[in-house]
Amino acid sequence: MLVLNPVSGNGSHAERVRKSADDAGFTVLETQASGEGVEFGRLAAAAGADLVAAAGGDGTVNEVLRGLDAADALDDVTFGVVPAGTGNNFAGNVGIEGIDHAFDVLAEGERRRIDVATADGERFLNSCIAGLTAEASASASPELKARLGVLAYVLNGLRAVTEFEGLPLAVEASCPGTEKTWTGDAVMVLVGNARRFPARGRSQANCEDGLLELTIVERSPPTNLLQEAAIHRLFGEETEHVTNLFASELRVDVRRDDPVGFSFDGETGTHGSLTMETGERTVELAVGETYEPTPE
């Protein structure tokens, strides 16, 4: 079965995906409202589908995965991704290069068991972010994304940076034999499961190591932040205002009264504190040829 979001991205993909899915023998379920991907994922599992694909952006992928999880089917199905959103970051990280390539991978691609991350009981595959990046993503309207694509996020980020006051946070990161803490005001908190922050070459993190990759960008003068971001991106160095941690379990506490927005694979919710972990659940995923089981 294939769950199709016909309006993700600029909406031009729908007919192409329908035809490819029909040719490949998929039953297609089309969403008409936010959240329906969860119910359709659950329905696909209940119908006994052994291969379930999500056609849309990262948010659609997240919804269908949560539906499979709600049906307790993550051990029983192969999951697939057909990139038809704006950024398609998760698809790129697992080696899916486009719609036609996605159907080739669904038919003949390698299968790998990858980590499924959990945040207060909710599953996510690619990333969880809070701060400036999350605000820019949440405020990018569907019309702006349709018109400008990924540039919409950049434009909203530039608008937000002049107004963003920072997040007062306390962070605890644990992995076997190691515990680390961080306290301060952050511009961004970036947690990657399949995604690495920042991208050094490709943005793919290790999806099979049972660990989350955490990057904290501390609030600092804009000039310092831009200089350090450039150094960090080029050389992968930890600098004065950028902290990298690996964790199998992670707790983030917001040290102010009002909660903040966290974006899970592009789906936003507000939290005053959040506990994330990985290693508990995995899912079999159809991956492309450029997927790296153990990236550097």
Protein backbone atom coordinates (compact mmCIF):
# COMPACT_ATOMS: atom_id res chain seq x y z
CA MET A 1 0.00 0.00 0.00
CA LEU A 2 1.08 3.60 -0.63
CA VAL A 3 -0.13 6.62 1.32
CA LEU A 4 -0.07 9.69 -0.93
CA ASN A 5 -0.20 13.31 0.18
CA PRO A 6 -1.34 14.93 -3.09
CA VAL A 7 -0.67 18.51 -1.96
CA SER A 8 2.81 18.19 -0.45
CA GLY A 9 5.54 20.27 -2.08
CA ASN A 10 3.99 22.12 -5.02
CA GLY A 11 1.43 19.38 -5.65
CA SER A 12 2.70 18.58 -9.15
CA HIS A 13 3.68 15.01 -8.26
CA ALA A 14 0.29 13.46 -7.58
CA GLU A 15 -0.62 12.07 -11.00
CA ARG A 16 2.91 10.80 -11.58
CA VAL A 17 2.92 8.97 -8.25
CA ARG A 18 -0.54 7.50 -8.87
CA LYS A 19 0.55 6.06 -12.24
CA SER A 20 3.84 4.66 -10.92
CA ALA A 21 2.08 3.14 -7.93
CA ASP A 22 -0.57 1.55 -10.14
CA ASP A 23 2.09 0.13 -12.46
CA ALA A 24 3.91 -1.33 -9.44
CA GLY A 25 0.77 -2.92 -8.00
CA PHE A 26 0.25 -0.63 -5.01
CA THR A 27 -3.11 0.23 -3.50
CA VAL A 28 -3.08 4.02 -3.08
CA LEU A 29 -4.67 5.83 -0.12
CA GLU A 30 -4.81 9.64 -0.54
CA THR A 31 -4.83 12.01 2.40
CA GLN A 32 -7.15 14.99 2.39
CA ALA A 33 -6.27 16.56 5.75
CA SER A 34 -3.38 16.82 8.17
CA GLY A 35 -3.14 13.74 10.38
CA GLU A 36 -4.82 11.32 7.97
CA GLY A 37 -1.47 9.72 7.19
CA VAL A 38 -1.46 8.26 10.71
CA GLU A 39 -4.84 6.61 10.23
CA PHE A 40 -3.90 5.34 6.76
CA GLY A 41 -0.65 3.85 8.11
CA ARG A 42 -2.70 2.06 10.76
CA LEU A 43 -5.19 0.91 8.12
CA ALA A 44 -2.43 -0.42 5.85
CA ALA A 45 -1.02 -2.47 8.71
CA ALA A 46 -4.47 -3.78 9.67
CA ALA A 47 -5.04 -4.83 6.04
CA GLY A 48 -1.91 -7.00 6.22
CA ALA A 49 0.28 -5.02 3.82
CA ASP A 50 3.89 -6.19 3.98
CA LEU A 51 5.23 -3.12 2.11
CA VAL A 52 3.94 0.35 3.04
CA ALA A 53 5.25 3.51 1.37
CA ALA A 54 4.70 7.19 2.12
CA ALA A 55 4.65 9.66 -0.79
CA GLY A 56 5.08 13.24 0.39
CA GLY A 57 7.48 15.26 2.50
CA ASP A 58 9.09 14.47 5.84
CA GLY A 59 5.84 15.23 7.66
CA THR A 60 3.92 12.66 5.61
CA VAL A 61 6.64 10.08 6.23
CA ASN A 62 6.38 10.79 9.95
CA GLU A 63 2.59 10.39 9.99
CA VAL A 64 2.60 7.04 8.19
CA LEU A 65 5.36 5.71 10.43
CA ARG A 66 3.35 6.72 13.52
CA GLY A 67 0.34 4.89 12.10
CA LEU A 68 2.38 1.72 11.63
CA ASP A 69 3.70 2.09 15.16
CA ALA A 70 0.18 2.58 16.55
CA ALA A 71 -0.76 -0.71 14.88
CA ASP A 72 2.34 -2.35 16.45
CA ALA A 73 3.49 -3.23 12.93
CA LEU A 74 7.07 -1.88 12.82
CA ASP A 75 8.45 -5.42 13.09
CA ASP A 76 6.13 -6.78 10.39
CA VAL A 77 6.33 -4.39 7.43
CA THR A 78 8.92 -2.91 5.11
CA PHE A 79 8.63 0.87 5.00
CA GLY A 80 9.37 2.96 1.91
CA VAL A 81 9.69 6.63 1.01
CA VAL A 82 8.67 8.40 -2.21
CA PRO A 83 10.03 11.98 -2.03
CA ALA A 84 7.34 14.49 -3.00
CA GLY A 85 7.72 17.32 -0.49
CA THR A 86 9.66 20.56 -0.36
CA GLY A 87 12.97 19.51 1.19
CA ASN A 88 12.74 15.68 1.27
CA ASN A 89 15.63 15.59 3.69
CA PHE A 90 14.94 12.11 5.06
CA ALA A 91 14.63 10.59 1.59
CA GLY A 92 17.96 12.12 0.60
CA ASN A 93 19.62 10.77 3.73
CA VAL A 94 18.57 7.21 2.93
CA GLY A 95 19.62 7.39 -0.72
CA ILE A 96 16.28 8.04 -2.44
CA GLU A 97 16.94 10.46 -5.30
CA GLY A 98 13.50 11.06 -6.80
CA ILE A 99 10.09 9.58 -7.53
CA ASP A 100 11.16 7.17 -10.28
CA HIS A 101 14.18 6.06 -8.28
CA ALA A 102 11.97 5.53 -5.23
CA PHE A 103 9.82 2.97 -7.05
CA ASP A 104 12.96 1.16 -8.28
CA VAL A 105 14.16 0.99 -4.69
CA LEU A 106 10.79 -0.23 -3.44
CA ALA A 107 10.94 -3.06 -6.00
CA GLU A 108 14.58 -4.07 -5.76
CA GLY A 109 16.46 -1.94 -3.23
CA GLU A 110 18.39 -3.11 -0.21
CA ARG A 111 16.53 -3.42 3.08
CA ARG A 112 18.12 -2.12 6.30
CA ARG A 113 16.80 -1.94 9.84
CA ILE A 114 17.14 1.66 11.00
CA ASP A 115 16.57 3.31 14.37
CA VAL A 116 13.22 4.84 15.23
CA ALA A 117 13.58 7.68 17.73
CA THR A 118 11.03 8.47 20.43
CA ALA A 119 10.14 11.83 21.99
CA ASP A 120 7.74 11.53 24.94
CA GLY A 121 6.12 8.54 23.26
CA GLU A 122 5.94 10.03 19.75
CA ARG A 123 8.09 8.48 17.03
CA PHE A 124 10.33 10.34 14.59
CA LEU A 125 12.80 9.17 11.94
CA ASN A 126 14.84 12.12 10.75
CA SER A 127 15.20 14.93 13.26
CA CYS A 128 13.83 16.96 16.14
CA ILE A 129 14.66 20.67 16.22
CA ALA A 130 13.83 23.64 18.42
CA GLY A 131 14.71 27.30 18.29
CA LEU A 132 15.35 29.49 15.28
CA THR A 133 15.25 26.69 12.69
CA ALA A 134 11.99 25.28 14.05
CA GLU A 135 10.37 28.72 14.06
CA ALA A 136 11.43 29.37 10.48
CA SER A 137 10.01 26.00 9.41
CA ALA A 138 6.72 26.46 11.26
CA SER A 139 6.15 29.94 9.83
CA ALA A 140 6.79 28.93 6.22
CA SER A 141 3.31 28.89 4.70
CA PRO A 142 2.30 26.23 2.15
CA GLU A 143 1.96 29.01 -0.44
CA LEU A 144 5.48 30.30 0.25
CA LYS A 145 6.95 26.78 0.13
CA ALA A 146 5.13 26.08 -3.13
CA ARG A 147 6.51 29.30 -4.64
CA LEU A 148 10.06 29.24 -3.29
CA GLY A 149 10.76 25.63 -2.26
CA VAL A 150 13.61 25.25 0.24
CA LEU A 151 14.35 28.98 -0.12
CA ALA A 152 11.18 29.62 1.90
CA TYR A 153 12.89 28.23 5.00
CA VAL A 154 15.96 30.39 4.41
CA LEU A 155 13.86 33.52 3.93
CA ASN A 156 11.87 32.91 7.11
CA GLY A 157 15.08 32.17 9.00
CA LEU A 158 16.51 35.55 8.01
CA ARG A 159 13.30 37.24 9.14
CA ALA A 160 13.31 35.43 12.48
CA VAL A 161 16.97 35.90 13.42
CA THR A 162 16.58 39.61 14.18
CA GLU A 163 13.73 38.91 16.64
CA PHE A 164 14.80 35.63 18.24
CA GLU A 165 15.71 35.98 21.93
CA GLY A 166 17.13 32.51 22.51
CA LEU A 167 15.98 29.50 24.52
CA PRO A 168 17.05 29.06 28.17
CA LEU A 169 17.66 25.31 28.36
CA ALA A 170 19.07 22.57 30.54
CA VAL A 171 20.16 19.47 28.60
CA GLU A 172 21.14 16.02 29.92
CA ALA A 173 22.61 13.53 27.44
CA SER A 174 23.29 9.89 28.33
CA CYS A 175 24.82 7.00 26.47
CA PRO A 176 26.39 3.79 27.87
CA GLY A 177 29.10 4.81 30.35
CA THR A 178 28.82 8.56 29.72
CA GLU A 179 26.63 11.40 30.95
CA LYS A 180 26.99 15.04 29.91
CA THR A 181 25.03 18.18 30.72
CA TRP A 182 24.66 21.62 29.13
CA THR A 183 22.95 24.73 30.51
CA GLY A 184 22.56 28.11 28.84
CA ASP A 185 20.71 30.13 26.21
CA ALA A 186 20.52 28.43 22.82
CA VAL A 187 19.69 29.72 19.37
CA MET A 188 19.02 26.19 18.11
CA VAL A 189 18.86 22.64 19.43
CA LEU A 190 19.21 20.10 16.64
CA VAL A 191 18.70 16.39 17.30
CA GLY A 192 19.37 14.00 14.45
CA ASN A 193 18.44 10.36 14.04
CA ALA A 194 18.91 9.95 10.28
CA ARG A 195 20.13 13.53 9.92
CA ARG A 196 23.51 14.94 10.95
CA PHE A 197 23.88 18.52 12.20
CA PRO A 198 25.66 20.31 10.69
CA ALA A 199 26.04 18.49 7.38
CA ARG A 200 29.64 17.56 6.66
CA GLY A 201 29.32 16.57 3.03
CA ARG A 202 26.09 14.56 2.99
CA SER A 203 23.73 15.18 5.87
CA GLN A 204 23.19 11.49 6.69
CA ALA A 205 23.85 10.44 10.26
CA ASN A 206 24.38 6.84 11.36
CA CYS A 207 20.83 5.46 11.36
CA GLU A 208 21.76 2.12 12.93
CA ASP A 209 23.97 2.94 15.93
CA GLY A 210 21.23 3.41 18.53
CA LEU A 211 22.37 7.00 19.15
CA LEU A 212 20.98 10.48 18.58
CA GLU A 213 23.32 13.23 17.36
CA LEU A 214 22.80 16.47 19.29
CA THR A 215 24.07 19.89 18.25
CA ILE A 216 23.47 22.96 20.44
CA VAL A 217 24.15 26.39 18.97
CA GLU A 218 24.58 28.82 21.85
CA ARG A 219 23.19 32.34 21.70
CA SER A 220 25.97 34.78 20.79
CA PRO A 221 26.46 37.95 18.72
CA PRO A 222 25.33 37.30 15.13
CA THR A 223 28.82 37.93 13.70
CA ASN A 224 30.38 35.32 15.99
CA LEU A 225 27.62 32.84 15.20
CA LEU A 226 28.04 33.17 11.44
CA GLN A 227 31.82 32.82 11.65
CA GLU A 228 31.61 29.76 13.89
CA ALA A 229 28.91 28.15 11.75
CA ALA A 230 31.19 28.46 8.71
CA ILE A 231 34.16 26.92 10.57
CA HIS A 232 32.00 24.14 11.98
CA ARG A 233 30.48 23.29 8.61
CA LEU A 234 33.84 23.17 6.84
CA PHE A 235 35.92 21.37 9.43
CA GLY A 236 33.46 19.68 11.78
CA GLU A 237 35.15 21.26 14.77
CA GLU A 238 33.43 21.96 18.07
CA THR A 239 33.78 25.70 18.66
CA GLU A 240 33.10 27.98 21.59
CA HIS A 241 29.43 28.43 20.77
CA VAL A 242 28.66 25.04 19.14
CA THR A 243 28.41 21.83 21.21
CA ASN A 244 28.10 18.29 19.81
CA LEU A 245 26.93 15.31 21.86
CA PHE A 246 25.86 11.73 21.17
CA ALA A 247 23.16 10.16 23.31
CA SER A 248 20.96 7.11 23.57
CA GLU A 249 18.73 9.13 25.91
CA LEU A 250 18.32 12.89 26.01
CA ARG A 251 16.34 15.24 28.21
CA VAL A 252 15.72 18.89 27.32
CA ASP A 253 14.13 21.21 29.92
CA VAL A 254 12.95 24.70 28.99
CA ARG A 255 13.83 27.09 31.82
CA ARG A 256 10.95 29.50 31.36
CA ASP A 257 7.21 29.39 32.00
CA ASP A 258 5.89 29.16 28.44
CA PRO A 259 6.63 26.04 26.35
CA VAL A 260 8.48 26.18 23.04
CA GLY A 261 7.89 24.62 19.65
CA PHE A 262 9.75 21.43 18.73
CA SER A 263 9.58 20.22 15.14
CA PHE A 264 9.60 16.43 14.69
CA ASP A 265 10.26 15.63 11.02
CA GLY A 266 8.54 18.92 10.21
CA GLU A 267 5.53 18.32 12.50
CA THR A 268 5.48 20.90 15.31
CA GLY A 269 4.32 20.53 18.91
CA THR A 270 4.93 22.63 22.04
CA HIS A 271 6.72 21.28 25.12
CA GLY A 272 8.13 22.56 28.38
CA SER A 273 10.38 19.51 28.65
CA LEU A 274 11.10 16.58 26.40
CA THR A 275 12.74 13.19 26.80
CA MET A 276 14.10 11.54 23.66
CA GLU A 277 15.62 8.11 23.17
CA THR A 278 16.54 5.62 20.49
CA GLY A 279 17.44 1.96 20.37
CA GLU A 280 14.05 0.75 21.60
CA ARG A 281 12.43 0.32 18.16
CA THR A 282 13.64 -0.17 14.59
CA VAL A 283 11.91 -0.45 11.22
CA GLU A 284 12.96 -2.20 8.01
CA LEU A 285 13.46 0.46 5.34
CA ALA A 286 14.04 0.22 1.58
CA VAL A 287 17.21 2.28 1.00
CA GLY A 288 18.99 3.58 -2.07
CA GLU A 289 22.45 2.73 -3.33
CA THR A 290 24.13 5.76 -1.74
CA TYR A 291 22.85 4.99 1.77
CA GLU A 292 25.80 4.44 4.14
CA PRO A 293 25.25 2.02 7.05
CA THR A 294 28.28 3.47 8.87
CA PRO A 295 28.94 7.00 7.58
CA GLU A 296 32.00 8.84 8.87
